[in-house]
Protein backbone atom coordinates (compact mmCIF):
# COMPACT_ATOMS: atom_id res chain seq x y z
CA UNK A 1 -20.62 -12.12 -28.72
CA UNK A 2 -21.37 -8.37 -28.65
CA UNK A 3 -22.91 -8.83 -25.17
CA UNK A 4 -19.86 -10.76 -23.99
CA UNK A 5 -17.58 -7.96 -25.30
CA UNK A 6 -19.70 -5.24 -23.57
CA UNK A 7 -19.63 -7.15 -20.20
CA UNK A 8 -15.79 -7.43 -20.45
CA UNK A 9 -15.55 -3.74 -21.25
CA UNK A 10 -17.74 -3.02 -18.14
CA UNK A 11 -15.55 -5.10 -15.93
CA UNK A 12 -12.44 -3.45 -17.05
CA UNK A 13 -13.90 0.01 -16.61
CA UNK A 14 -15.04 -0.82 -13.12
CA UNK A 15 -11.56 -2.13 -12.31
CA UNK A 16 -9.82 0.86 -13.69
CA UNK A 17 -12.09 3.17 -11.79
CA UNK A 18 -11.61 1.48 -8.57
CA UNK A 19 -7.69 1.45 -9.04
CA UNK A 20 -7.87 5.21 -9.82
CA UNK A 21 -10.06 6.21 -7.11
CA UNK A 22 -8.05 4.20 -4.55
CA UNK A 23 -4.98 5.75 -5.88
CA UNK A 24 -6.44 9.22 -5.47
CA UNK A 25 -7.29 8.42 -1.88
CA UNK A 26 -3.77 7.03 -1.21
CA UNK A 27 -1.91 10.08 -2.56
CA UNK A 28 -4.09 12.46 -0.64
CA UNK A 29 -6.36 13.87 -3.39
CA UNK A 30 -9.25 13.05 -1.10
CA UNK A 31 -8.05 13.40 2.67
CA UNK A 32 -9.56 11.79 5.64
CA UNK A 33 -13.05 13.09 6.26
CA UNK A 34 -13.66 14.06 2.58
CA UNK A 35 -17.17 13.22 1.46
CA UNK A 36 -17.42 11.21 -1.64
CA UNK A 37 -20.73 11.45 -3.45
CA UNK A 38 -21.61 8.94 -6.23
CA UNK A 39 -22.77 11.73 -8.64
CA UNK A 40 -19.49 13.61 -8.20
CA UNK A 41 -17.30 10.66 -8.60
CA UNK A 42 -19.34 9.84 -11.85
CA UNK A 43 -18.63 13.44 -13.30
CA UNK A 44 -15.10 13.55 -12.15
CA UNK A 45 -14.00 10.26 -13.77
CA UNK A 46 -16.39 10.47 -16.70
CA UNK A 47 -18.35 7.42 -15.94
CA UNK A 48 -21.98 6.53 -15.21
CA UNK A 49 -23.49 6.29 -11.90
CA UNK A 50 -23.42 2.44 -11.68
CA UNK A 51 -19.69 2.15 -11.72
CA UNK A 52 -19.20 5.07 -9.54
CA UNK A 53 -21.42 3.45 -7.02
CA UNK A 54 -19.68 0.08 -7.33
CA UNK A 55 -16.17 1.68 -6.89
CA UNK A 56 -17.33 3.40 -3.74
CA UNK A 57 -18.63 0.36 -2.28
CA UNK A 58 -15.35 -1.59 -3.17
CA UNK A 59 -13.32 1.03 -1.51
CA UNK A 60 -15.67 0.88 1.69
CA UNK A 61 -14.99 -2.79 1.77
CA UNK A 62 -11.26 -2.31 1.64
CA UNK A 63 -11.35 0.01 4.38
CA UNK A 64 -10.76 3.21 2.60
CA UNK A 65 -14.19 4.73 3.19
CA UNK A 66 -16.67 4.70 6.12
CA UNK A 67 -20.25 5.68 6.49
CA UNK A 68 -21.03 8.56 8.80
CA UNK A 69 -24.64 8.96 9.70
CA UNK A 70 -25.00 12.64 8.84
CA UNK A 71 -22.68 12.68 5.79
CA UNK A 72 -22.78 9.51 3.84
CA UNK A 73 -19.52 7.97 2.67
CA UNK A 74 -16.36 9.76 3.63
CA UNK A 75 -12.61 8.85 3.45
CA UNK A 76 -11.72 6.98 6.52
CA UNK A 77 -9.96 8.86 9.38
CA UNK A 78 -7.11 6.97 11.04
CA UNK A 79 -7.17 6.18 14.77
CA UNK A 80 -4.25 4.85 16.78
CA UNK A 81 -6.03 1.43 16.91
CA UNK A 82 -6.39 1.37 13.11
CA UNK A 83 -2.69 2.07 12.73
CA UNK A 84 -1.51 -0.48 15.40
CA UNK A 85 -3.83 -3.22 13.97
CA UNK A 86 -2.57 -2.67 10.45
CA UNK A 87 1.03 -2.83 11.68
CA UNK A 88 0.32 -6.08 13.51
CA UNK A 89 -0.91 -7.68 10.28
CA UNK A 90 1.80 -6.22 8.15
CA UNK A 91 4.47 -7.45 10.52
CA UNK A 92 3.02 -10.95 10.47
CA UNK A 93 2.74 -11.09 6.73
CA UNK A 94 5.95 -9.47 5.90
CA UNK A 95 8.02 -11.41 8.30
CA UNK A 96 6.78 -14.55 6.47
CA UNK A 97 7.46 -12.79 3.01
CA UNK A 98 10.95 -11.85 3.94
CA UNK A 99 11.86 -15.34 5.27
CA UNK A 100 10.55 -17.08 2.20
CA UNK A 101 12.13 -14.48 -0.04
CA UNK A 102 15.50 -15.38 1.41
CA UNK A 103 14.79 -18.97 0.45
CA UNK A 104 13.19 -18.59 -2.86
CA UNK A 105 14.41 -15.30 -4.49
CA UNK A 106 15.95 -15.20 -7.92
CA UNK A 107 18.71 -12.96 -9.08
CA UNK A 108 16.24 -10.78 -10.76
CA UNK A 109 14.33 -10.44 -7.54
CA UNK A 110 17.39 -9.12 -5.91
CA UNK A 111 18.23 -6.70 -8.64
CA UNK A 112 14.64 -5.35 -8.54
CA UNK A 113 14.67 -4.96 -4.83
CA UNK A 114 17.99 -3.07 -4.83
CA UNK A 115 16.73 -0.80 -7.80
CA UNK A 116 13.50 0.06 -5.61
CA UNK A 117 15.70 0.95 -2.57
CA UNK A 118 18.06 2.92 -4.59
CA UNK A 119 15.29 4.78 -6.40
CA UNK A 120 13.73 5.82 -2.98
CA UNK A 121 17.02 7.25 -1.99
CA UNK A 122 17.43 9.17 -5.29
CA UNK A 123 13.99 10.61 -4.93
CA UNK A 124 14.68 11.84 -1.39
CA UNK A 125 17.86 13.37 -2.35
CA UNK A 126 16.12 15.26 -5.12
CA UNK A 127 13.29 16.42 -2.81
CA UNK A 128 10.75 14.27 -4.42
CA UNK A 129 8.82 12.91 -1.42
CA UNK A 130 6.03 11.43 -3.51
CA UNK A 131 8.44 9.59 -5.67
CA UNK A 132 10.14 8.25 -2.52
CA UNK A 133 7.00 6.84 -1.17
CA UNK A 134 6.19 5.36 -4.57
CA UNK A 135 9.57 3.52 -4.54
CA UNK A 136 9.03 2.38 -1.02
CA UNK A 137 5.68 1.00 -1.82
CA UNK A 138 7.11 -0.86 -4.88
CA UNK A 139 9.91 -2.24 -2.42
CA UNK A 140 7.27 -3.79 -0.24
CA UNK A 141 5.42 -5.31 -3.12
CA UNK A 142 8.69 -6.71 -4.48
CA UNK A 143 9.44 -8.38 -1.09
CA UNK A 144 6.19 -10.39 -1.56
CA UNK A 145 6.82 -11.24 -5.13
CA UNK A 146 10.35 -12.51 -4.18
CA UNK A 147 8.81 -15.04 -1.82
CA UNK A 148 7.08 -16.80 -4.88
CA UNK A 149 4.12 -17.62 -2.80
CA UNK A 150 0.86 -17.08 -4.71
CA UNK A 151 -1.46 -17.48 -1.64
CA UNK A 152 0.74 -14.90 0.27
CA UNK A 153 0.48 -12.45 -2.66
CA UNK A 154 -3.19 -12.75 -2.72
CA UNK A 155 -3.65 -12.24 1.01
CA UNK A 156 -1.14 -9.44 1.15
CA UNK A 157 -2.42 -7.41 -1.86
CA UNK A 158 -5.22 -5.45 -0.11
CA UNK A 159 -3.18 -5.04 2.96
CA UNK A 160 -0.34 -3.27 0.96
CA UNK A 161 -2.87 -0.89 -0.48
CA UNK A 162 -3.65 0.35 3.01
CA UNK A 163 0.01 0.35 3.91
CA UNK A 164 0.77 2.64 1.09
CA UNK A 165 -1.93 4.92 2.30
CA UNK A 166 -0.61 4.81 5.77
CA UNK A 167 3.03 5.44 5.23
CA UNK A 168 2.19 8.52 3.15
CA UNK A 169 1.29 10.04 6.64
CA UNK A 170 4.97 9.84 7.44
CA UNK A 171 6.73 13.19 6.55
CA UNK A 172 10.27 11.55 5.98
CA UNK A 173 10.28 8.58 3.72
CA UNK A 174 14.16 8.40 4.12
CA UNK A 175 13.67 6.98 7.59
CA UNK A 176 13.22 3.66 6.16
CA UNK A 177 16.19 3.65 3.79
CA UNK A 178 18.71 1.71 5.96
CA UNK A 179 16.30 -0.94 6.87
CA UNK A 180 15.36 -1.61 3.20
CA UNK A 181 18.98 -2.01 2.25
CA UNK A 182 19.63 -4.33 5.13
CA UNK A 183 16.71 -6.53 4.08
CA UNK A 184 17.92 -6.65 0.48
CA UNK A 185 21.29 -7.95 1.79
CA UNK A 186 19.75 -10.59 4.08
CA UNK A 187 17.52 -11.80 1.18
CA UNK A 188 20.49 -11.75 -1.28
CA UNK A 189 22.52 -13.75 1.23
CA UNK A 190 19.91 -16.32 1.40
CA UNK A 191 19.57 -15.84 5.24
CA UNK A 192 15.93 -16.67 6.19
CA UNK A 193 16.25 -15.92 9.89
CA UNK A 194 18.04 -12.57 9.55
CA UNK A 195 15.58 -11.50 6.87
CA UNK A 196 12.66 -12.36 9.01
CA UNK A 197 14.33 -10.65 12.13
CA UNK A 198 14.91 -7.43 10.05
CA UNK A 199 11.46 -7.39 8.86
CA UNK A 200 9.91 -7.46 12.38
CA UNK A 201 12.25 -4.74 13.62
CA UNK A 202 11.55 -2.74 10.50
CA UNK A 203 7.76 -3.00 11.01
CA UNK A 204 8.21 -2.00 14.66
CA UNK A 205 10.34 1.09 13.93
CA UNK A 206 7.80 2.08 11.23
CA UNK A 207 5.04 1.69 13.76
CA UNK A 208 6.70 3.89 16.27
CA UNK A 209 7.56 6.54 13.69
CA UNK A 210 4.14 6.61 12.22
CA UNK A 211 2.23 6.81 15.41
CA UNK A 212 4.54 9.85 16.49
CA UNK A 213 4.02 11.54 13.17
CA UNK A 214 0.21 11.13 13.23
CA UNK A 215 -0.47 11.42 16.87
CA UNK A 216 2.13 13.74 18.25
CA UNK A 217 0.33 14.31 21.61
CA UNK A 218 0.06 10.54 22.49
């Protein structure tokens, strides 16, 4: 019994460390190109070397870290190809999510989506850019939740982590506000075709804005 308890605690510790380290990359504590060393991660987060190593490998598998021959594991640097490929996948998944959300959503789903969209607006109005990004990230998670499709949720989860990281490269989180409110209304109205169309146009606008912000000389 003691062994089982210890194993459970180890799994929970590893999971919490992965979540924390991932979030710290997403919010910019470790910028692209930053070298992450197992020993330093262990010291920073107060864990042993093994969970630190496992967390770093997990983030590498998720696409947050990459190996550079002369430096070891570093936070991945975005390329135009990375951005476009991620938006291709996001657009495909979210168009399905929004169509199904319009068909399957509950009243509670609609309320949660509206609250997230309003929270992003309030954060922007108060100058809280980080809070706006958090609210926008929650909005996109809620779109998938409202579809009530377990397989879609499982497939989309790792993509949304990368999207959260990517959208924080955009200096103006308010640029997505009108699209989010329009999506809520299409879902609330139970209009799957309009919801899907809006999801595609939203992703394409986001793609253009992000590429211009990240690669101004393109």
